[in-house]
Amino acid sequence: MMYDWSFRAGDFNRGATVAIVIMVAVMPIMVWNIRNARRERD
């Protein structure tokens, strides 16, 4: 969806917004995984 809006439709603002939403959605999962990995290592 991000690729289609950015490059096929030429709407870079909407494509960038989708990318930011995806990043914000994935960030808590990444933080949780990093914390668990550090706990297991120690």
N, C-alpha and C. Protein backbone atom coordinates (compact mmCIF):
# COMPACT_ATOMS: atom_id res chain seq x y z
N MET A 1 0.84 -1.18 0.00
CA MET A 1 0.00 0.00 0.00
C MET A 1 0.88 1.25 0.00
N MET A 2 1.92 1.23 0.83
CA MET A 2 2.81 2.39 0.90
C MET A 2 3.48 2.62 -0.46
N TYR A 3 3.95 1.54 -1.07
CA TYR A 3 4.62 1.64 -2.37
C TYR A 3 3.66 2.16 -3.44
N ASP A 4 2.44 1.63 -3.45
CA ASP A 4 1.46 2.05 -4.44
C ASP A 4 1.16 3.54 -4.33
N TRP A 5 0.91 4.01 -3.12
CA TRP A 5 0.58 5.42 -2.95
C TRP A 5 1.77 6.32 -3.25
N SER A 6 2.96 5.91 -2.87
CA SER A 6 4.12 6.77 -3.05
C SER A 6 4.56 6.85 -4.51
N PHE A 7 4.69 5.70 -5.15
CA PHE A 7 5.33 5.68 -6.45
C PHE A 7 4.37 5.52 -7.63
N ARG A 8 3.30 4.78 -7.47
CA ARG A 8 2.36 4.62 -8.58
C ARG A 8 1.38 5.78 -8.65
N ALA A 9 0.86 6.20 -7.50
CA ALA A 9 -0.12 7.29 -7.49
C ALA A 9 0.56 8.66 -7.38
N GLY A 10 1.83 8.68 -6.97
CA GLY A 10 2.55 9.94 -6.85
C GLY A 10 2.21 10.73 -5.60
N ASP A 11 1.55 10.11 -4.64
CA ASP A 11 1.17 10.80 -3.41
C ASP A 11 2.17 10.43 -2.31
N PHE A 12 3.29 11.15 -2.28
CA PHE A 12 4.37 10.84 -1.36
C PHE A 12 3.99 11.09 0.10
N ASN A 13 3.14 12.07 0.35
CA ASN A 13 2.72 12.36 1.72
C ASN A 13 1.95 11.19 2.33
N ARG A 14 1.05 10.62 1.58
CA ARG A 14 0.27 9.50 2.08
C ARG A 14 1.15 8.28 2.26
N GLY A 15 2.08 8.04 1.35
CA GLY A 15 3.01 6.92 1.48
C GLY A 15 3.89 7.06 2.71
N ALA A 16 4.35 8.27 2.98
CA ALA A 16 5.18 8.52 4.16
C ALA A 16 4.37 8.33 5.43
N THR A 17 3.11 8.72 5.41
CA THR A 17 2.25 8.55 6.58
C THR A 17 2.04 7.07 6.89
N VAL A 18 1.84 6.27 5.86
CA VAL A 18 1.68 4.83 6.06
C VAL A 18 2.97 4.24 6.64
N ALA A 19 4.12 4.68 6.15
CA ALA A 19 5.40 4.17 6.66
C ALA A 19 5.56 4.51 8.14
N ILE A 20 5.18 5.71 8.54
CA ILE A 20 5.30 6.11 9.94
C ILE A 20 4.35 5.31 10.82
N VAL A 21 3.14 5.07 10.33
CA VAL A 21 2.17 4.28 11.10
C VAL A 21 2.69 2.86 11.30
N ILE A 22 3.27 2.28 10.26
CA ILE A 22 3.82 0.93 10.37
C ILE A 22 4.97 0.92 11.38
N MET A 23 5.84 1.92 11.34
CA MET A 23 6.96 1.99 12.26
C MET A 23 6.48 2.11 13.70
N VAL A 24 5.48 2.96 13.95
CA VAL A 24 4.95 3.13 15.30
C VAL A 24 4.28 1.84 15.78
N ALA A 25 3.64 1.11 14.89
CA ALA A 25 2.98 -0.14 15.27
C ALA A 25 3.99 -1.22 15.62
N VAL A 26 5.14 -1.23 14.95
CA VAL A 26 6.14 -2.27 15.15
C VAL A 26 7.08 -1.95 16.32
N MET A 27 7.24 -0.71 16.66
CA MET A 27 8.18 -0.28 17.69
C MET A 27 7.97 -0.97 19.05
N PRO A 28 6.76 -1.06 19.59
CA PRO A 28 6.59 -1.73 20.89
C PRO A 28 7.00 -3.21 20.85
N ILE A 29 6.75 -3.87 19.74
CA ILE A 29 7.14 -5.27 19.60
C ILE A 29 8.66 -5.39 19.61
N MET A 30 9.34 -4.49 18.94
CA MET A 30 10.81 -4.50 18.91
C MET A 30 11.37 -4.27 20.31
N VAL A 31 10.84 -3.31 21.03
CA VAL A 31 11.32 -3.01 22.38
C VAL A 31 11.11 -4.21 23.29
N TRP A 32 9.94 -4.85 23.19
CA TRP A 32 9.65 -6.03 24.00
C TRP A 32 10.63 -7.16 23.70
N ASN A 33 10.91 -7.39 22.41
CA ASN A 33 11.85 -8.44 22.03
C ASN A 33 13.27 -8.15 22.52
N ILE A 34 13.70 -6.91 22.44
CA ILE A 34 15.04 -6.55 22.90
C ILE A 34 15.16 -6.74 24.41
N ARG A 35 14.14 -6.32 25.15
CA ARG A 35 14.17 -6.49 26.61
C ARG A 35 14.21 -7.97 26.99
N ASN A 36 13.41 -8.79 26.33
CA ASN A 36 13.42 -10.22 26.62
C ASN A 36 14.76 -10.85 26.27
N ALA A 37 15.37 -10.45 25.19
CA ALA A 37 16.67 -11.00 24.80
C ALA A 37 17.73 -10.62 25.82
N ARG A 38 17.68 -9.41 26.32
CA ARG A 38 18.67 -8.99 27.33
C ARG A 38 18.47 -9.75 28.64
N ARG A 39 17.24 -10.01 29.03
CA ARG A 39 16.96 -10.78 30.24
C ARG A 39 17.48 -12.20 30.11
N GLU A 40 17.28 -12.81 28.96
CA GLU A 40 17.74 -14.18 28.75
C GLU A 40 19.26 -14.26 28.71
N ARG A 41 19.90 -13.22 28.21
CA ARG A 41 21.36 -13.21 28.14
C ARG A 41 22.00 -13.10 29.51
N ASP A 42 21.38 -12.31 30.38
CA ASP A 42 21.93 -12.10 31.73
C ASP A 42 21.55 -13.21 32.63
